[in-house]
C-alpha atoms as a PDB file:
ATOM      1  CA  UNK A   1      11.729 -24.609 -24.141  1.00  0.00           C
ATOM      2  CA  UNK A   2       8.942 -26.098 -26.259  1.00  0.00           C
ATOM      3  CA  UNK A   3       6.542 -25.843 -23.324  1.00  0.00           C
ATOM      4  CA  UNK A   4       7.378 -22.152 -22.884  1.00  0.00           C
ATOM      5  CA  UNK A   5       6.843 -21.502 -26.575  1.00  0.00           C
ATOM      6  CA  UNK A   6       3.477 -23.286 -26.559  1.00  0.00           C
ATOM      7  CA  UNK A   7       2.389 -21.445 -23.421  1.00  0.00           C
ATOM      8  CA  UNK A   8       3.291 -18.132 -25.051  1.00  0.00           C
ATOM      9  CA  UNK A   9       1.298 -19.048 -28.170  1.00  0.00           C
ATOM     10  CA  UNK A  10      -1.735 -20.115 -26.122  1.00  0.00           C
ATOM     11  CA  UNK A  11      -1.635 -16.863 -24.177  1.00  0.00           C
ATOM     12  CA  UNK A  12      -1.299 -14.807 -27.338  1.00  0.00           C
ATOM     13  CA  UNK A  13      -4.023 -16.659 -29.213  1.00  0.00           C
ATOM     14  CA  UNK A  14      -6.600 -17.838 -26.665  1.00  0.00           C
ATOM     15  CA  UNK A  15      -9.154 -20.265 -28.044  1.00  0.00           C
ATOM     16  CA  UNK A  16     -12.741 -19.192 -28.060  1.00  0.00           C
ATOM     17  CA  UNK A  17     -14.805 -20.996 -25.440  1.00  0.00           C
ATOM     18  CA  UNK A  18     -17.168 -23.549 -26.910  1.00  0.00           C
ATOM     19  CA  UNK A  19     -19.861 -25.805 -25.575  1.00  0.00           C
ATOM     20  CA  UNK A  20     -20.603 -29.338 -26.610  1.00  0.00           C
ATOM     21  CA  UNK A  21     -22.990 -32.051 -25.688  1.00  0.00           C
ATOM     22  CA  UNK A  22     -21.897 -35.650 -25.802  1.00  0.00           C
ATOM     23  CA  UNK A  23     -24.573 -37.370 -27.817  1.00  0.00           C
ATOM     24  CA  UNK A  24     -22.461 -39.825 -29.697  1.00  0.00           C
ATOM     25  CA  UNK A  25     -24.219 -42.481 -31.737  1.00  0.00           C
ATOM     26  CA  UNK A  26     -22.851 -45.388 -29.697  1.00  0.00           C
ATOM     27  CA  UNK A  27     -26.261 -47.075 -29.639  1.00  0.00           C
ATOM     28  CA  UNK A  28     -25.608 -48.579 -26.232  1.00  0.00           C
ATOM     29  CA  UNK A  29     -28.817 -48.397 -24.219  1.00  0.00           C
ATOM     30  CA  UNK A  30     -30.078 -50.535 -21.390  1.00  0.00           C
ATOM     31  CA  UNK A  31     -32.847 -49.889 -18.862  1.00  0.00           C
ATOM     32  CA  UNK A  32     -30.772 -51.725 -16.233  1.00  0.00           C
ATOM     33  CA  UNK A  33     -29.276 -48.477 -14.955  1.00  0.00           C
ATOM     34  CA  UNK A  34     -32.783 -47.082 -14.368  1.00  0.00           C
ATOM     35  CA  UNK A  35     -33.732 -50.329 -12.626  1.00  0.00           C
ATOM     36  CA  UNK A  36     -30.767 -50.133 -10.251  1.00  0.00           C
ATOM     37  CA  UNK A  37     -31.588 -46.525  -9.363  1.00  0.00           C
ATOM     38  CA  UNK A  38     -35.313 -47.256  -8.924  1.00  0.00           C
ATOM     39  CA  UNK A  39     -34.470 -50.248  -6.772  1.00  0.00           C
ATOM     40  CA  UNK A  40     -32.282 -48.043  -4.575  1.00  0.00           C
ATOM     41  CA  UNK A  41     -35.196 -45.615  -4.235  1.00  0.00           C
ATOM     42  CA  UNK A  42     -37.424 -48.442  -3.033  1.00  0.00           C
ATOM     43  CA  UNK A  43     -34.752 -49.709  -0.639  1.00  0.00           C
ATOM     44  CA  UNK A  44     -34.139 -46.264   0.868  1.00  0.00           C
ATOM     45  CA  UNK A  45     -37.879 -45.681   1.186  1.00  0.00           C
ATOM     46  CA  UNK A  46     -38.270 -48.926   3.118  1.00  0.00           C
ATOM     47  CA  UNK A  47     -35.332 -48.020   5.367  1.00  0.00           C
ATOM     48  CA  UNK A  48     -36.775 -44.570   6.031  1.00  0.00           C
ATOM     49  CA  UNK A  49     -40.113 -46.058   6.991  1.00  0.00           C
ATOM     50  CA  UNK A  50     -38.419 -48.557   9.327  1.00  0.00           C
ATOM     51  CA  UNK A  51     -36.145 -46.146  11.149  1.00  0.00           C
ATOM     52  CA  UNK A  52     -37.397 -45.115  14.575  1.00  0.00           C
ATOM     53  CA  UNK A  53     -36.798 -41.804  16.265  1.00  0.00           C
ATOM     54  CA  UNK A  54     -34.974 -42.029  19.599  1.00  0.00           C
ATOM     55  CA  UNK A  55     -36.550 -41.267  22.927  1.00  0.00           C
ATOM     56  CA  UNK A  56     -36.709 -37.621  23.907  1.00  0.00           C
ATOM     57  CA  UNK A  57     -33.712 -36.292  25.805  1.00  0.00           C
ATOM     58  CA  UNK A  58     -31.030 -38.484  24.216  1.00  0.00           C
ATOM     59  CA  UNK A  59     -29.076 -35.897  22.234  1.00  0.00           C
ATOM     60  CA  UNK A  60     -26.480 -38.346  20.907  1.00  0.00           C
ATOM     61  CA  UNK A  61     -29.135 -40.767  19.680  1.00  0.00           C
ATOM     62  CA  UNK A  62     -31.068 -37.887  18.126  1.00  0.00           C
ATOM     63  CA  UNK A  63     -27.949 -36.727  16.274  1.00  0.00           C
ATOM     64  CA  UNK A  64     -27.344 -40.243  14.985  1.00  0.00           C
ATOM     65  CA  UNK A  65     -30.984 -40.560  13.979  1.00  0.00           C
ATOM     66  CA  UNK A  66     -30.970 -37.202  12.174  1.00  0.00           C
ATOM     67  CA  UNK A  67     -27.733 -38.046  10.384  1.00  0.00           C
ATOM     68  CA  UNK A  68     -28.982 -41.437   9.252  1.00  0.00           C
ATOM     69  CA  UNK A  69     -32.389 -40.116   8.247  1.00  0.00           C
ATOM     70  CA  UNK A  70     -30.929 -37.258   6.213  1.00  0.00           C
ATOM     71  CA  UNK A  71     -28.431 -39.582   4.507  1.00  0.00           C
ATOM     72  CA  UNK A  72     -31.216 -41.967   3.495  1.00  0.00           C
ATOM     73  CA  UNK A  73     -33.291 -39.079   2.159  1.00  0.00           C
ATOM     74  CA  UNK A  74     -30.328 -37.710   0.207  1.00  0.00           C
ATOM     75  CA  UNK A  75     -29.619 -41.130  -1.333  1.00  0.00           C
ATOM     76  CA  UNK A  76     -33.294 -41.654  -2.181  1.00  0.00           C
ATOM     77  CA  UNK A  77     -33.498 -38.295  -3.927  1.00  0.00           C
ATOM     78  CA  UNK A  78     -30.209 -38.794  -5.753  1.00  0.00           C
ATOM     79  CA  UNK A  79     -31.250 -42.236  -7.003  1.00  0.00           C
ATOM     80  CA  UNK A  80     -34.677 -40.965  -8.075  1.00  0.00           C
ATOM     81  CA  UNK A  81     -32.899 -38.256 -10.056  1.00  0.00           C
ATOM     82  CA  UNK A  82     -30.629 -40.871 -11.638  1.00  0.00           C
ATOM     83  CA  UNK A  83     -33.602 -43.070 -12.528  1.00  0.00           C
ATOM     84  CA  UNK A  84     -35.376 -40.131 -14.154  1.00  0.00           C
ATOM     85  CA  UNK A  85     -32.257 -39.160 -16.115  1.00  0.00           C
ATOM     86  CA  UNK A  86     -31.729 -42.727 -17.351  1.00  0.00           C
ATOM     87  CA  UNK A  87     -35.372 -43.029 -18.367  1.00  0.00           C
ATOM     88  CA  UNK A  88     -35.262 -39.695 -20.199  1.00  0.00           C
ATOM     89  CA  UNK A  89     -32.176 -40.760 -22.145  1.00  0.00           C
ATOM     90  CA  UNK A  90     -33.801 -44.042 -23.103  1.00  0.00           C
ATOM     91  CA  UNK A  91     -37.072 -42.352 -24.048  1.00  0.00           C
ATOM     92  CA  UNK A  92     -35.628 -39.506 -26.069  1.00  0.00           C
ATOM     93  CA  UNK A  93     -32.560 -41.130 -27.601  1.00  0.00           C
ATOM     94  CA  UNK A  94     -33.386 -44.798 -28.109  1.00  0.00           C
ATOM     95  CA  UNK A  95     -37.053 -44.891 -29.031  1.00  0.00           C
ATOM     96  CA  UNK A  96     -38.025 -43.816 -32.517  1.00  0.00           C
ATOM     97  CA  UNK A  97     -41.448 -43.090 -34.036  1.00  0.00           C
ATOM     98  CA  UNK A  98     -41.504 -46.631 -35.451  1.00  0.00           C
ATOM     99  CA  UNK A  99     -41.660 -48.005 -31.901  1.00  0.00           C
ATOM    100  CA  UNK A 100     -45.019 -46.321 -31.323  1.00  0.00           C
ATOM    101  CA  UNK A 101     -46.686 -48.819 -33.649  1.00  0.00           C
ATOM    102  CA  UNK A 102     -45.575 -51.638 -31.363  1.00  0.00           C
ATOM    103  CA  UNK A 103     -45.961 -49.735 -28.096  1.00  0.00           C
ATOM    104  CA  UNK A 104     -48.791 -47.211 -28.468  1.00  0.00           C
ATOM    105  CA  UNK A 105     -48.555 -46.367 -24.751  1.00  0.00           C
ATOM    106  CA  UNK A 106     -44.803 -45.727 -24.910  1.00  0.00           C
ATOM    107  CA  UNK A 107     -44.995 -41.979 -24.262  1.00  0.00           C
ATOM    108  CA  UNK A 108     -47.554 -42.368 -21.491  1.00  0.00           C
ATOM    109  CA  UNK A 109     -45.478 -45.091 -19.826  1.00  0.00           C
ATOM    110  CA  UNK A 110     -42.325 -42.979 -19.804  1.00  0.00           C
ATOM    111  CA  UNK A 111     -44.168 -39.833 -18.765  1.00  0.00           C
ATOM    112  CA  UNK A 112     -45.757 -41.642 -15.807  1.00  0.00           C
ATOM    113  CA  UNK A 113     -42.418 -43.215 -14.847  1.00  0.00           C
ATOM    114  CA  UNK A 114     -40.762 -39.793 -14.847  1.00  0.00           C
ATOM    115  CA  UNK A 115     -43.575 -38.416 -12.697  1.00  0.00           C
ATOM    116  CA  UNK A 116     -43.088 -41.327 -10.286  1.00  0.00           C
ATOM    117  CA  UNK A 117     -39.400 -40.444 -10.017  1.00  0.00           C
ATOM    118  CA  UNK A 118     -40.410 -36.934  -8.984  1.00  0.00           C
ATOM    119  CA  UNK A 119     -42.990 -38.245  -6.528  1.00  0.00           C
ATOM    120  CA  UNK A 120     -40.368 -40.509  -4.973  1.00  0.00           C
ATOM    121  CA  UNK A 121     -38.010 -37.568  -4.557  1.00  0.00           C
ATOM    122  CA  UNK A 122     -40.459 -35.434  -2.616  1.00  0.00           C
ATOM    123  CA  UNK A 123     -42.199 -38.146  -0.587  1.00  0.00           C
ATOM    124  CA  UNK A 124     -41.427 -41.174   1.528  1.00  0.00           C
ATOM    125  CA  UNK A 125     -44.070 -43.294  -0.122  1.00  0.00           C
ATOM    126  CA  UNK A 126     -43.406 -47.009  -0.519  1.00  0.00           C
ATOM    127  CA  UNK A 127     -46.408 -47.353  -2.811  1.00  0.00           C
ATOM    128  CA  UNK A 128     -44.969 -44.788  -5.234  1.00  0.00           C
ATOM    129  CA  UNK A 129     -41.552 -46.469  -5.072  1.00  0.00           C
ATOM    130  CA  UNK A 130     -43.161 -49.810  -5.899  1.00  0.00           C
ATOM    131  CA  UNK A 131     -45.105 -48.178  -8.743  1.00  0.00           C
ATOM    132  CA  UNK A 132     -41.810 -46.815 -10.050  1.00  0.00           C
ATOM    133  CA  UNK A 133     -40.300 -50.311 -10.008  1.00  0.00           C
ATOM    134  CA  UNK A 134     -43.343 -51.637 -11.870  1.00  0.00           C
ATOM    135  CA  UNK A 135     -43.047 -48.857 -14.462  1.00  0.00           C
ATOM    136  CA  UNK A 136     -39.345 -49.559 -14.965  1.00  0.00           C
ATOM    137  CA  UNK A 137     -40.149 -53.260 -15.315  1.00  0.00           C
ATOM    138  CA  UNK A 138     -42.692 -52.431 -18.020  1.00  0.00           C
ATOM    139  CA  UNK A 139     -40.089 -50.275 -19.781  1.00  0.00           C
ATOM    140  CA  UNK A 140     -37.584 -53.128 -19.445  1.00  0.00           C
ATOM    141  CA  UNK A 141     -40.059 -55.402 -21.240  1.00  0.00           C
ATOM    142  CA  UNK A 142     -40.765 -52.862 -23.965  1.00  0.00           C
ATOM    143  CA  UNK A 143     -37.070 -52.249 -24.496  1.00  0.00           C
ATOM    144  CA  UNK A 144     -36.048 -55.875 -24.855  1.00  0.00           C
ATOM    145  CA  UNK A 145     -39.077 -56.654 -27.001  1.00  0.00           C
ATOM    146  CA  UNK A 146     -37.988 -53.845 -29.327  1.00  0.00           C
ATOM    147  CA  UNK A 147     -34.604 -55.559 -29.531  1.00  0.00           C
ATOM    148  CA  UNK A 148     -36.234 -58.879 -30.402  1.00  0.00           C
ATOM    149  CA  UNK A 149     -35.149 -60.375 -27.105  1.00  0.00           C
ATOM    150  CA  UNK A 150     -36.886 -61.560 -23.973  1.00  0.00           C
ATOM    151  CA  UNK A 151     -34.440 -60.755 -21.191  1.00  0.00           C
ATOM    152  CA  UNK A 152     -35.578 -61.720 -17.726  1.00  0.00           C
ATOM    153  CA  UNK A 153     -36.449 -59.011 -15.212  1.00  0.00           C
ATOM    154  CA  UNK A 154     -33.955 -59.458 -12.398  1.00  0.00           C
ATOM    155  CA  UNK A 155     -33.572 -57.321  -9.306  1.00  0.00           C
ATOM    156  CA  UNK A 156     -30.669 -57.133  -6.899  1.00  0.00           C
ATOM    157  CA  UNK A 157     -32.756 -57.367  -3.759  1.00  0.00           C
END
């Protein structure tokens, strides 16, 4: 009965559609998520470089190869996108103009890291993936220094 009444009210008075962006002031930031994604990019890049195409004429092996290769590429691109998103959030939401006094190359560092994410998406380039890891490590150091801490750079692999 109550449900029917509420449904009738909702139908009679539909709410206007709104849009919102979650940008709550939680203050919880950590470059670790960018590090994990960048590390996955490097791992997938290494796997792509190591995978060997099957001999000609083996259709089943070619299908397996193509499936594996495309999966690795998809993961690499997805993780590069994640890394870029995490870096952009950190750059635009965490860092404030005051940080530029301590880190005058802050904008350049983030800009180059974002560009490396893009380069890693469109290429299978281990050098670029390693440069991305180095950039994220530098950002890790800047971040924890800004917090007055000296957290160790640790990777999963």
